C-alpha cells in the first residue's frame, strides 16, 4: 500500500512546541530592543534624567502591552498543544502561520512606539492581535476536526478554549475602538484586559480556571 507524504508530514507535537518556544523567546527579546537608554550627552542633571525617563513612559507602556500579548498567546498555544495526541500536516501549517504572526509583533510594536498617537498605528497593532487570535482559533478548530485531541481530554475543554479566544478578541476589538477617542485610552484598556487574563481570576470552579 502506498503512503502519501501528506499523511506522514508534520506529526510531531513536541517539535512544533520546541519551535514555538524558540520563536516566542526571540520575539519577546526583540521587543526590548525598542527601548533605548537616554542619550548621555543630553543628560546634565538629575532633573534631566528624570524628564528623559518620564518621556519613555509611552514606550514602556507599549512594551508591557506587547510582552503581555505574547505571554498570553504563548500560554494559549501551549494549552492547545498539551491537549493534543499528535499533529498533522494541516494543523502544523496553520500553527506555522500563527508563529508568523508572532514574528511580526516586534514590527507592530515599533510602529506603535513611533506613532503612538496615530489611530492607524493602533489599528495595525490590533490587527496583529486579531491575526494571532484568529489563527489560534483556527488551529484548535483543525485539531478538533482532525481528531488530534487526546482521548482523555474532558469534554468541557474544547468549549473553554474557544470561549476564551472569542471573549478576549471581543475585548481587544472594543479596546481598538477606543482609539477613536484617544489612542492612550485604547492601549490602557488593552493592558487591563491582558492583566485580567495574566492574573486569571477564578470564577466558580472546575475548568473555568482554564478559561483565562
C-alpha atoms as a PDB file:
ATOM      1  CA  UNK A   1       0.000   0.000   0.000  1.00  0.00           C
ATOM      2  CA  UNK A   2       1.381   3.400  -0.978  1.00  0.00           C
ATOM      3  CA  UNK A   3       1.575   6.050   1.706  1.00  0.00           C
ATOM      4  CA  UNK A   4       1.095   9.714   0.792  1.00  0.00           C
ATOM      5  CA  UNK A   5       3.738  12.117   2.066  1.00  0.00           C
ATOM      6  CA  UNK A   6       0.992  14.397   3.375  1.00  0.00           C
ATOM      7  CA  UNK A   7      -0.217  11.576   5.619  1.00  0.00           C
ATOM      8  CA  UNK A   8       3.088  11.362   7.476  1.00  0.00           C
ATOM      9  CA  UNK A   9       4.241  15.019   7.447  1.00  0.00           C
ATOM     10  CA  UNK A  10       4.183  17.298  10.479  1.00  0.00           C
ATOM     11  CA  UNK A  11       3.072  14.751  13.065  1.00  0.00           C
ATOM     12  CA  UNK A  12       5.347  15.714  15.975  1.00  0.00           C
ATOM     13  CA  UNK A  13       3.688  17.912  18.582  1.00  0.00           C
ATOM     14  CA  UNK A  14       6.961  18.062  20.530  1.00  0.00           C
ATOM     15  CA  UNK A  15       8.931  19.528  17.622  1.00  0.00           C
ATOM     16  CA  UNK A  16       6.193  22.058  16.974  1.00  0.00           C
ATOM     17  CA  UNK A  17       6.212  23.083  20.640  1.00  0.00           C
ATOM     18  CA  UNK A  18      10.014  23.424  20.604  1.00  0.00           C
ATOM     19  CA  UNK A  19       9.923  25.633  17.510  1.00  0.00           C
ATOM     20  CA  UNK A  20       7.155  27.716  19.059  1.00  0.00           C
ATOM     21  CA  UNK A  21       9.112  28.260  22.275  1.00  0.00           C
ATOM     22  CA  UNK A  22      12.124  29.450  20.310  1.00  0.00           C
ATOM     23  CA  UNK A  23      10.133  31.887  18.180  1.00  0.00           C
ATOM     24  CA  UNK A  24       8.259  33.297  21.151  1.00  0.00           C
ATOM     25  CA  UNK A  25      11.535  33.717  23.038  1.00  0.00           C
ATOM     26  CA  UNK A  26      13.170  35.608  20.174  1.00  0.00           C
ATOM     27  CA  UNK A  27      10.109  37.802  19.600  1.00  0.00           C
ATOM     28  CA  UNK A  28       9.902  38.713  23.293  1.00  0.00           C
ATOM     29  CA  UNK A  29      13.604  39.575  23.327  1.00  0.00           C
ATOM     30  CA  UNK A  30      13.343  41.739  20.207  1.00  0.00           C
ATOM     31  CA  UNK A  31      10.655  43.819  21.917  1.00  0.00           C
ATOM     32  CA  UNK A  32      13.250  45.051  24.399  1.00  0.00           C
ATOM     33  CA  UNK A  33      15.439  46.421  21.609  1.00  0.00           C
ATOM     34  CA  UNK A  34      12.867  49.176  21.078  1.00  0.00           C
ATOM     35  CA  UNK A  35      13.709  50.629  24.498  1.00  0.00           C
ATOM     36  CA  UNK A  36      16.709  52.964  24.492  1.00  0.00           C
ATOM     37  CA  UNK A  37      18.610  54.494  27.380  1.00  0.00           C
ATOM     38  CA  UNK A  38      18.506  58.331  27.257  1.00  0.00           C
ATOM     39  CA  UNK A  39      21.445  59.807  25.339  1.00  0.00           C
ATOM     40  CA  UNK A  40      24.210  60.608  27.817  1.00  0.00           C
ATOM     41  CA  UNK A  41      25.152  63.878  26.110  1.00  0.00           C
ATOM     42  CA  UNK A  42      21.635  65.225  26.763  1.00  0.00           C
ATOM     43  CA  UNK A  43      21.683  64.460  30.489  1.00  0.00           C
ATOM     44  CA  UNK A  44      23.379  67.054  32.707  1.00  0.00           C
ATOM     45  CA  UNK A  45      21.442  66.745  35.955  1.00  0.00           C
ATOM     46  CA  UNK A  46      19.130  64.529  37.976  1.00  0.00           C
ATOM     47  CA  UNK A  47      16.234  66.566  36.647  1.00  0.00           C
ATOM     48  CA  UNK A  48      17.245  65.923  33.042  1.00  0.00           C
ATOM     49  CA  UNK A  49      17.407  62.192  33.710  1.00  0.00           C
ATOM     50  CA  UNK A  50      14.003  62.158  35.396  1.00  0.00           C
ATOM     51  CA  UNK A  51      12.443  64.052  32.492  1.00  0.00           C
ATOM     52  CA  UNK A  52      14.079  61.722  29.969  1.00  0.00           C
ATOM     53  CA  UNK A  53      12.815  58.651  31.824  1.00  0.00           C
ATOM     54  CA  UNK A  54       9.332  60.152  32.048  1.00  0.00           C
ATOM     55  CA  UNK A  55       9.407  60.660  28.289  1.00  0.00           C
ATOM     56  CA  UNK A  56       9.987  56.915  27.926  1.00  0.00           C
ATOM     57  CA  UNK A  57       6.690  56.109  29.668  1.00  0.00           C
ATOM     58  CA  UNK A  58       4.678  55.624  26.430  1.00  0.00           C
ATOM     59  CA  UNK A  59       7.342  53.259  25.071  1.00  0.00           C
ATOM     60  CA  UNK A  60       7.357  51.300  28.334  1.00  0.00           C
ATOM     61  CA  UNK A  61       3.572  51.004  28.176  1.00  0.00           C
ATOM     62  CA  UNK A  62       3.683  49.664  24.609  1.00  0.00           C
ATOM     63  CA  UNK A  63       6.499  47.277  25.578  1.00  0.00           C
ATOM     64  CA  UNK A  64       4.445  45.983  28.510  1.00  0.00           C
ATOM     65  CA  UNK A  65       1.426  45.582  26.241  1.00  0.00           C
ATOM     66  CA  UNK A  66       3.366  43.577  23.664  1.00  0.00           C
ATOM     67  CA  UNK A  67       5.122  41.397  26.227  1.00  0.00           C
ATOM     68  CA  UNK A  68       1.800  40.557  27.859  1.00  0.00           C
ATOM     69  CA  UNK A  69       0.283  39.883  24.441  1.00  0.00           C
ATOM     70  CA  UNK A  70       2.954  37.359  23.542  1.00  0.00           C
ATOM     71  CA  UNK A  71       2.872  35.830  27.012  1.00  0.00           C
ATOM     72  CA  UNK A  72      -0.882  35.317  26.874  1.00  0.00           C
ATOM     73  CA  UNK A  73      -0.780  33.795  23.405  1.00  0.00           C
ATOM     74  CA  UNK A  74       2.127  31.549  24.391  1.00  0.00           C
ATOM     75  CA  UNK A  75       0.047  30.213  27.284  1.00  0.00           C
ATOM     76  CA  UNK A  76      -2.930  29.748  24.965  1.00  0.00           C
ATOM     77  CA  UNK A  77      -0.838  27.951  22.373  1.00  0.00           C
ATOM     78  CA  UNK A  78       0.793  25.680  24.961  1.00  0.00           C
ATOM     79  CA  UNK A  79      -2.635  24.858  26.388  1.00  0.00           C
ATOM     80  CA  UNK A  80      -3.715  23.642  22.970  1.00  0.00           C
ATOM     81  CA  UNK A  81      -0.557  21.619  22.316  1.00  0.00           C
ATOM     82  CA  UNK A  82      -0.747  19.999  25.750  1.00  0.00           C
ATOM     83  CA  UNK A  83      -4.140  18.534  24.843  1.00  0.00           C
ATOM     84  CA  UNK A  84      -3.007  17.042  21.527  1.00  0.00           C
ATOM     85  CA  UNK A  85      -2.276  13.375  20.995  1.00  0.00           C
ATOM     86  CA  UNK A  86      -0.497  14.095  17.735  1.00  0.00           C
ATOM     87  CA  UNK A  87      -0.194  16.662  14.982  1.00  0.00           C
ATOM     88  CA  UNK A  88      -0.704  16.513  11.228  1.00  0.00           C
ATOM     89  CA  UNK A  89       0.284  18.479   8.147  1.00  0.00           C
ATOM     90  CA  UNK A  90      -2.655  20.902   8.001  1.00  0.00           C
ATOM     91  CA  UNK A  91      -2.548  21.669  11.712  1.00  0.00           C
ATOM     92  CA  UNK A  92       1.209  22.213  11.539  1.00  0.00           C
ATOM     93  CA  UNK A  93       0.918  24.734   8.702  1.00  0.00           C
ATOM     94  CA  UNK A  94      -1.882  26.616  10.462  1.00  0.00           C
ATOM     95  CA  UNK A  95       0.333  26.748  13.508  1.00  0.00           C
ATOM     96  CA  UNK A  96       3.266  27.980  11.437  1.00  0.00           C
ATOM     97  CA  UNK A  97       1.024  30.794  10.189  1.00  0.00           C
ATOM     98  CA  UNK A  98       0.265  31.561  13.842  1.00  0.00           C
ATOM     99  CA  UNK A  99       4.008  31.712  14.550  1.00  0.00           C
ATOM    100  CA  UNK A 100       4.417  34.082  11.589  1.00  0.00           C
ATOM    101  CA  UNK A 101       2.005  36.467  13.305  1.00  0.00           C
ATOM    102  CA  UNK A 102       4.183  36.156  16.420  1.00  0.00           C
ATOM    103  CA  UNK A 103       7.276  37.198  14.469  1.00  0.00           C
ATOM    104  CA  UNK A 104       5.671  40.432  13.235  1.00  0.00           C
ATOM    105  CA  UNK A 105       4.745  41.562  16.767  1.00  0.00           C
ATOM    106  CA  UNK A 106       8.098  43.392  17.203  1.00  0.00           C
ATOM    107  CA  UNK A 107       7.366  45.322  13.988  1.00  0.00           C
ATOM    108  CA  UNK A 108       3.829  46.303  15.015  1.00  0.00           C
ATOM    109  CA  UNK A 109       5.219  47.264  18.439  1.00  0.00           C
ATOM    110  CA  UNK A 110       7.841  49.522  16.867  1.00  0.00           C
ATOM    111  CA  UNK A 111       5.204  51.074  14.609  1.00  0.00           C
ATOM    112  CA  UNK A 112       3.040  51.875  17.615  1.00  0.00           C
ATOM    113  CA  UNK A 113       6.027  53.196  19.562  1.00  0.00           C
ATOM    114  CA  UNK A 114       6.938  55.561  16.753  1.00  0.00           C
ATOM    115  CA  UNK A 115       3.367  56.737  16.090  1.00  0.00           C
ATOM    116  CA  UNK A 116       1.629  56.134  19.400  1.00  0.00           C
ATOM    117  CA  UNK A 117      -0.846  58.997  18.906  1.00  0.00           C
ATOM    118  CA  UNK A 118      -1.923  57.805  15.444  1.00  0.00           C
ATOM    119  CA  UNK A 119      -5.034  55.632  15.154  1.00  0.00           C
ATOM    120  CA  UNK A 120      -3.642  53.886  12.076  1.00  0.00           C
ATOM    121  CA  UNK A 121      -0.681  52.558  14.096  1.00  0.00           C
ATOM    122  CA  UNK A 122      -3.031  51.400  16.851  1.00  0.00           C
ATOM    123  CA  UNK A 123      -5.339  49.659  14.390  1.00  0.00           C
ATOM    124  CA  UNK A 124      -2.340  47.939  12.752  1.00  0.00           C
ATOM    125  CA  UNK A 125      -1.220  46.773  16.187  1.00  0.00           C
ATOM    126  CA  UNK A 126      -4.705  45.480  16.985  1.00  0.00           C
ATOM    127  CA  UNK A 127      -4.723  43.761  13.597  1.00  0.00           C
ATOM    128  CA  UNK A 128      -1.653  41.804  14.722  1.00  0.00           C
ATOM    129  CA  UNK A 129      -3.529  40.698  17.864  1.00  0.00           C
ATOM    130  CA  UNK A 130      -6.593  39.804  15.778  1.00  0.00           C
ATOM    131  CA  UNK A 131      -4.450  37.679  13.460  1.00  0.00           C
ATOM    132  CA  UNK A 132      -2.928  35.875  16.441  1.00  0.00           C
ATOM    133  CA  UNK A 133      -6.358  35.123  17.874  1.00  0.00           C
ATOM    134  CA  UNK A 134      -7.919  34.075  14.572  1.00  0.00           C
ATOM    135  CA  UNK A 135      -5.116  31.633  13.765  1.00  0.00           C
ATOM    136  CA  UNK A 136      -5.105  30.198  17.275  1.00  0.00           C
ATOM    137  CA  UNK A 137      -8.865  29.634  16.995  1.00  0.00           C
ATOM    138  CA  UNK A 138      -8.435  28.111  13.541  1.00  0.00           C
ATOM    139  CA  UNK A 139      -5.700  25.764  14.739  1.00  0.00           C
ATOM    140  CA  UNK A 140      -7.900  24.483  17.560  1.00  0.00           C
ATOM    141  CA  UNK A 141     -10.765  24.022  15.133  1.00  0.00           C
ATOM    142  CA  UNK A 142      -8.493  21.957  12.902  1.00  0.00           C
ATOM    143  CA  UNK A 143      -7.314  19.895  15.866  1.00  0.00           C
ATOM    144  CA  UNK A 144     -10.910  19.164  16.804  1.00  0.00           C
ATOM    145  CA  UNK A 145     -11.990  18.366  13.241  1.00  0.00           C
ATOM    146  CA  UNK A 146      -8.996  16.070  12.616  1.00  0.00           C
ATOM    147  CA  UNK A 147      -9.409  14.257  15.957  1.00  0.00           C
ATOM    148  CA  UNK A 148      -5.955  15.256  17.173  1.00  0.00           C
ATOM    149  CA  UNK A 149      -7.086  15.831  20.755  1.00  0.00           C
ATOM    150  CA  UNK A 150      -6.194  13.311  23.447  1.00  0.00           C
ATOM    151  CA  UNK A 151      -8.971  10.838  24.128  1.00  0.00           C
ATOM    152  CA  UNK A 152      -8.902  11.525  27.881  1.00  0.00           C
ATOM    153  CA  UNK A 153      -9.454  15.272  27.439  1.00  0.00           C
ATOM    154  CA  UNK A 154     -12.550  16.352  29.419  1.00  0.00           C
ATOM    155  CA  UNK A 155     -15.405  17.346  27.082  1.00  0.00           C
ATOM    156  CA  UNK A 156     -15.531  20.826  28.623  1.00  0.00           C
ATOM    157  CA  UNK A 157     -12.002  21.705  27.486  1.00  0.00           C
ATOM    158  CA  UNK A 158     -12.645  22.402  23.761  1.00  0.00           C
ATOM    159  CA  UNK A 159     -15.501  24.775  24.571  1.00  0.00           C
ATOM    160  CA  UNK A 160     -13.431  26.508  27.263  1.00  0.00           C
ATOM    161  CA  UNK A 161     -10.548  27.116  24.848  1.00  0.00           C
ATOM    162  CA  UNK A 162     -12.855  28.508  22.134  1.00  0.00           C
ATOM    163  CA  UNK A 163     -14.708  30.696  24.630  1.00  0.00           C
ATOM    164  CA  UNK A 164     -11.503  32.151  25.957  1.00  0.00           C
ATOM    165  CA  UNK A 165     -10.270  33.154  22.489  1.00  0.00           C
ATOM    166  CA  UNK A 166     -13.593  34.670  21.372  1.00  0.00           C
ATOM    167  CA  UNK A 167     -14.160  36.703  24.539  1.00  0.00           C
ATOM    168  CA  UNK A 168     -10.591  38.001  24.543  1.00  0.00           C
ATOM    169  CA  UNK A 169     -10.818  39.072  20.892  1.00  0.00           C
ATOM    170  CA  UNK A 170     -14.101  40.898  21.513  1.00  0.00           C
ATOM    171  CA  UNK A 171     -12.454  42.802  24.362  1.00  0.00           C
ATOM    172  CA  UNK A 172      -9.434  43.643  22.221  1.00  0.00           C
ATOM    173  CA  UNK A 173     -11.749  44.879  19.465  1.00  0.00           C
ATOM    174  CA  UNK A 174     -13.516  47.162  21.946  1.00  0.00           C
ATOM    175  CA  UNK A 175     -10.127  48.443  23.032  1.00  0.00           C
ATOM    176  CA  UNK A 176      -9.235  49.221  19.428  1.00  0.00           C
ATOM    177  CA  UNK A 177     -12.495  51.153  19.027  1.00  0.00           C
ATOM    178  CA  UNK A 178     -11.472  53.373  21.935  1.00  0.00           C
ATOM    179  CA  UNK A 179      -8.735  54.767  19.690  1.00  0.00           C
ATOM    180  CA  UNK A 180     -11.492  56.867  18.108  1.00  0.00           C
ATOM    181  CA  UNK A 181     -11.393  58.873  21.322  1.00  0.00           C
ATOM    182  CA  UNK A 182      -7.752  58.543  22.298  1.00  0.00           C
ATOM    183  CA  UNK A 183      -5.039  56.001  21.476  1.00  0.00           C
ATOM    184  CA  UNK A 184      -3.787  56.023  25.079  1.00  0.00           C
ATOM    185  CA  UNK A 185      -7.262  55.028  26.295  1.00  0.00           C
ATOM    186  CA  UNK A 186      -7.143  52.191  23.804  1.00  0.00           C
ATOM    187  CA  UNK A 187      -3.727  50.982  24.933  1.00  0.00           C
ATOM    188  CA  UNK A 188      -4.690  51.333  28.585  1.00  0.00           C
ATOM    189  CA  UNK A 189      -7.825  49.235  28.121  1.00  0.00           C
ATOM    190  CA  UNK A 190      -5.900  46.540  26.231  1.00  0.00           C
ATOM    191  CA  UNK A 191      -3.366  46.391  29.080  1.00  0.00           C
ATOM    192  CA  UNK A 192      -6.200  45.945  31.592  1.00  0.00           C
ATOM    193  CA  UNK A 193      -7.610  43.090  29.516  1.00  0.00           C
ATOM    194  CA  UNK A 194      -4.195  41.463  29.383  1.00  0.00           C
ATOM    195  CA  UNK A 195      -3.622  41.853  33.114  1.00  0.00           C
ATOM    196  CA  UNK A 196      -7.004  40.223  33.692  1.00  0.00           C
ATOM    197  CA  UNK A 197      -6.010  37.184  31.650  1.00  0.00           C
ATOM    198  CA  UNK A 198      -2.481  37.101  33.102  1.00  0.00           C
ATOM    199  CA  UNK A 199      -3.749  37.162  36.683  1.00  0.00           C
ATOM    200  CA  UNK A 200      -6.501  34.692  35.686  1.00  0.00           C
ATOM    201  CA  UNK A 201      -9.081  35.242  38.441  1.00  0.00           C
ATOM    202  CA  UNK A 202     -11.248  32.223  39.044  1.00  0.00           C
ATOM    203  CA  UNK A 203     -14.987  32.422  38.564  1.00  0.00           C
ATOM    204  CA  UNK A 204     -16.648  29.388  40.001  1.00  0.00           C
ATOM    205  CA  UNK A 205     -14.854  26.046  39.879  1.00  0.00           C
ATOM    206  CA  UNK A 206     -13.530  23.446  37.527  1.00  0.00           C
ATOM    207  CA  UNK A 207     -12.433  24.291  34.015  1.00  0.00           C
ATOM    208  CA  UNK A 208     -13.413  27.910  34.333  1.00  0.00           C
ATOM    209  CA  UNK A 209      -9.872  28.499  35.639  1.00  0.00           C
ATOM    210  CA  UNK A 210      -8.509  27.348  32.258  1.00  0.00           C
ATOM    211  CA  UNK A 211     -10.703  29.861  30.536  1.00  0.00           C
ATOM    212  CA  UNK A 212      -8.493  32.790  31.451  1.00  0.00           C
END
